[in-house]
Amino acid sequence: MRYVTPNPDKKEPGFFGKLFSGSSKAEAPIKFRIAVKSQGESTTVAVLNEAGAPETSANAERIVKVIADDLK
């Protein structure tokens, strides 16, 4: 899964800003793995980094929240 951190403060340049500005590089998406495991009658969802280690960042928390909200 690729995740791009939302930035509500970022303003899009207008037409002329896009036309005359230098090359603007978009933020590269961060790659995560989603691990879903069954444990008895419940299911555990974990966010892992590219190396497969548990991710504990704020981004991981947002990803789990989005998944949980979509399942409701």
N, C-alpha and C. Protein backbone atom coordinates (compact mmCIF):
# COMPACT_ATOMS: atom_id res chain seq x y z
N MET A 1 0.84 -1.16 0.00
CA MET A 1 0.00 0.00 0.00
C MET A 1 0.89 1.23 0.00
N ARG A 2 0.51 2.23 -0.74
CA ARG A 2 1.24 3.50 -0.74
C ARG A 2 0.37 4.54 -0.07
N TYR A 3 1.00 5.38 0.73
CA TYR A 3 0.27 6.38 1.50
C TYR A 3 0.96 7.72 1.35
N VAL A 4 0.19 8.72 0.94
CA VAL A 4 0.70 10.09 0.87
C VAL A 4 0.08 10.86 2.02
N THR A 5 0.91 11.45 2.84
CA THR A 5 0.44 12.19 4.00
C THR A 5 -0.40 13.37 3.55
N PRO A 6 -1.64 13.48 4.06
CA PRO A 6 -2.46 14.64 3.68
C PRO A 6 -1.89 15.91 4.27
N ASN A 7 -1.96 16.99 3.52
CA ASN A 7 -1.47 18.28 3.97
C ASN A 7 -2.54 19.33 3.70
N PRO A 8 -3.44 19.57 4.67
CA PRO A 8 -4.54 20.51 4.44
C PRO A 8 -4.08 21.96 4.27
N ASP A 9 -2.88 22.30 4.74
CA ASP A 9 -2.38 23.67 4.64
C ASP A 9 -1.76 23.97 3.29
N LYS A 10 -1.50 22.93 2.51
CA LYS A 10 -0.85 23.13 1.22
C LYS A 10 -1.84 23.76 0.25
N LYS A 11 -1.41 24.84 -0.36
CA LYS A 11 -2.27 25.53 -1.31
C LYS A 11 -1.79 25.22 -2.72
N GLU A 12 -2.73 24.95 -3.59
CA GLU A 12 -2.41 24.69 -4.99
C GLU A 12 -2.09 26.02 -5.67
N PRO A 13 -1.03 26.05 -6.49
CA PRO A 13 -0.73 27.30 -7.21
C PRO A 13 -1.78 27.53 -8.28
N GLY A 14 -2.00 28.79 -8.60
CA GLY A 14 -2.95 29.14 -9.64
C GLY A 14 -2.38 28.83 -11.02
N PHE A 15 -3.11 29.23 -12.04
CA PHE A 15 -2.70 28.95 -13.42
C PHE A 15 -1.32 29.52 -13.71
N PHE A 16 -1.11 30.80 -13.39
CA PHE A 16 0.17 31.43 -13.69
C PHE A 16 1.28 30.90 -12.79
N GLY A 17 0.93 30.55 -11.58
CA GLY A 17 1.91 29.94 -10.67
C GLY A 17 2.44 28.63 -11.22
N LYS A 18 1.53 27.84 -11.78
CA LYS A 18 1.95 26.57 -12.38
C LYS A 18 2.76 26.81 -13.65
N LEU A 19 2.36 27.82 -14.40
CA LEU A 19 3.00 28.10 -15.68
C LEU A 19 4.43 28.61 -15.50
N PHE A 20 4.65 29.49 -14.52
CA PHE A 20 5.95 30.13 -14.37
C PHE A 20 6.80 29.61 -13.24
N SER A 21 6.29 28.70 -12.46
CA SER A 21 7.11 28.19 -11.36
C SER A 21 8.07 27.12 -11.86
N GLY A 22 9.10 26.89 -11.04
CA GLY A 22 10.04 25.82 -11.36
C GLY A 22 9.35 24.48 -11.17
N SER A 23 10.07 23.44 -11.40
CA SER A 23 9.47 22.12 -11.25
C SER A 23 9.15 21.87 -9.79
N SER A 24 7.91 21.59 -9.53
CA SER A 24 7.52 21.30 -8.15
C SER A 24 7.42 19.79 -8.01
N LYS A 25 8.17 19.27 -7.07
CA LYS A 25 8.17 17.83 -6.87
C LYS A 25 7.11 17.47 -5.85
N ALA A 26 6.27 16.53 -6.20
CA ALA A 26 5.27 16.06 -5.25
C ALA A 26 5.93 15.15 -4.23
N GLU A 27 5.37 15.12 -3.05
CA GLU A 27 5.92 14.27 -2.00
C GLU A 27 5.73 12.81 -2.41
N ALA A 28 6.80 12.05 -2.30
CA ALA A 28 6.74 10.64 -2.67
C ALA A 28 5.89 9.87 -1.67
N PRO A 29 5.08 8.94 -2.18
CA PRO A 29 4.27 8.15 -1.25
C PRO A 29 5.15 7.23 -0.40
N ILE A 30 4.72 6.99 0.81
CA ILE A 30 5.42 6.09 1.71
C ILE A 30 4.80 4.71 1.54
N LYS A 31 5.61 3.68 1.47
CA LYS A 31 5.09 2.34 1.27
C LYS A 31 4.92 1.63 2.62
N PHE A 32 3.77 1.00 2.79
CA PHE A 32 3.45 0.24 3.98
C PHE A 32 2.91 -1.12 3.58
N ARG A 33 2.92 -2.05 4.52
CA ARG A 33 2.28 -3.34 4.35
C ARG A 33 1.17 -3.42 5.39
N ILE A 34 0.07 -4.03 5.02
CA ILE A 34 -1.04 -4.23 5.93
C ILE A 34 -1.10 -5.72 6.25
N ALA A 35 -0.98 -6.07 7.52
CA ALA A 35 -1.03 -7.48 7.95
C ALA A 35 -2.37 -7.71 8.64
N VAL A 36 -3.12 -8.69 8.14
CA VAL A 36 -4.41 -9.05 8.71
C VAL A 36 -4.30 -10.47 9.22
N LYS A 37 -4.54 -10.66 10.52
CA LYS A 37 -4.41 -11.99 11.13
C LYS A 37 -5.67 -12.32 11.91
N SER A 38 -6.09 -13.57 11.82
CA SER A 38 -7.23 -14.05 12.58
C SER A 38 -6.75 -14.58 13.92
N GLN A 39 -7.42 -14.16 14.99
CA GLN A 39 -7.10 -14.62 16.34
C GLN A 39 -8.41 -15.03 17.00
N GLY A 40 -8.73 -16.32 16.90
CA GLY A 40 -9.99 -16.79 17.46
C GLY A 40 -11.15 -16.20 16.69
N GLU A 41 -12.01 -15.48 17.41
CA GLU A 41 -13.18 -14.86 16.78
C GLU A 41 -12.94 -13.40 16.41
N SER A 42 -11.72 -12.93 16.56
CA SER A 42 -11.42 -11.54 16.21
C SER A 42 -10.31 -11.50 15.15
N THR A 43 -10.14 -10.34 14.57
CA THR A 43 -9.12 -10.14 13.54
C THR A 43 -8.25 -8.97 13.96
N THR A 44 -6.94 -9.12 13.76
CA THR A 44 -5.98 -8.07 14.09
C THR A 44 -5.43 -7.48 12.79
N VAL A 45 -5.41 -6.16 12.72
CA VAL A 45 -4.85 -5.45 11.57
C VAL A 45 -3.63 -4.69 12.06
N ALA A 46 -2.50 -4.88 11.38
CA ALA A 46 -1.27 -4.18 11.75
C ALA A 46 -0.68 -3.51 10.52
N VAL A 47 -0.04 -2.37 10.73
CA VAL A 47 0.64 -1.65 9.66
C VAL A 47 2.13 -1.90 9.83
N LEU A 48 2.76 -2.37 8.75
CA LEU A 48 4.19 -2.67 8.76
C LEU A 48 4.90 -1.75 7.79
N ASN A 49 6.18 -1.46 8.05
CA ASN A 49 6.96 -0.65 7.12
C ASN A 49 7.44 -1.53 5.97
N GLU A 50 8.22 -0.96 5.06
CA GLU A 50 8.69 -1.71 3.89
C GLU A 50 9.50 -2.95 4.27
N ALA A 51 10.21 -2.88 5.39
CA ALA A 51 11.05 -4.00 5.83
C ALA A 51 10.25 -5.08 6.55
N GLY A 52 8.97 -4.80 6.86
CA GLY A 52 8.14 -5.77 7.54
C GLY A 52 8.10 -5.60 9.04
N ALA A 53 8.72 -4.54 9.56
CA ALA A 53 8.69 -4.26 11.00
C ALA A 53 7.43 -3.46 11.34
N PRO A 54 6.89 -3.63 12.54
CA PRO A 54 5.69 -2.86 12.93
C PRO A 54 5.94 -1.36 12.85
N GLU A 55 4.99 -0.65 12.30
CA GLU A 55 5.07 0.80 12.15
C GLU A 55 4.24 1.43 13.26
N THR A 56 4.80 2.41 13.96
CA THR A 56 4.09 3.04 15.07
C THR A 56 3.90 4.54 14.87
N SER A 57 4.07 5.02 13.66
CA SER A 57 3.96 6.45 13.40
C SER A 57 2.50 6.90 13.38
N ALA A 58 2.31 8.21 13.32
CA ALA A 58 0.97 8.78 13.21
C ALA A 58 0.30 8.35 11.91
N ASN A 59 1.11 8.17 10.86
CA ASN A 59 0.56 7.71 9.59
C ASN A 59 -0.06 6.32 9.73
N ALA A 60 0.59 5.44 10.47
CA ALA A 60 0.07 4.09 10.69
C ALA A 60 -1.25 4.16 11.43
N GLU A 61 -1.35 5.04 12.41
CA GLU A 61 -2.60 5.19 13.14
C GLU A 61 -3.72 5.68 12.23
N ARG A 62 -3.40 6.62 11.33
CA ARG A 62 -4.40 7.12 10.39
C ARG A 62 -4.86 6.02 9.44
N ILE A 63 -3.94 5.19 8.99
CA ILE A 63 -4.28 4.11 8.07
C ILE A 63 -5.23 3.13 8.74
N VAL A 64 -4.93 2.73 9.97
CA VAL A 64 -5.80 1.79 10.69
C VAL A 64 -7.17 2.42 10.92
N LYS A 65 -7.22 3.70 11.24
CA LYS A 65 -8.49 4.38 11.47
C LYS A 65 -9.31 4.40 10.18
N VAL A 66 -8.69 4.68 9.05
CA VAL A 66 -9.42 4.70 7.77
C VAL A 66 -9.97 3.31 7.47
N ILE A 67 -9.17 2.28 7.68
CA ILE A 67 -9.63 0.91 7.43
C ILE A 67 -10.81 0.58 8.34
N ALA A 68 -10.70 0.91 9.62
CA ALA A 68 -11.77 0.61 10.58
C ALA A 68 -13.05 1.37 10.22
N ASP A 69 -12.92 2.63 9.83
CA ASP A 69 -14.09 3.43 9.44
C ASP A 69 -14.77 2.86 8.20
N ASP A 70 -13.97 2.39 7.25
CA ASP A 70 -14.55 1.82 6.02
C ASP A 70 -15.28 0.51 6.29
N LEU A 71 -14.88 -0.21 7.32
CA LEU A 71 -15.51 -1.49 7.62
C LEU A 71 -16.81 -1.34 8.41
N LYS A 72 -17.08 -0.16 8.94
CA LYS A 72 -18.29 0.05 9.75
C LYS A 72 -19.53 0.12 8.87
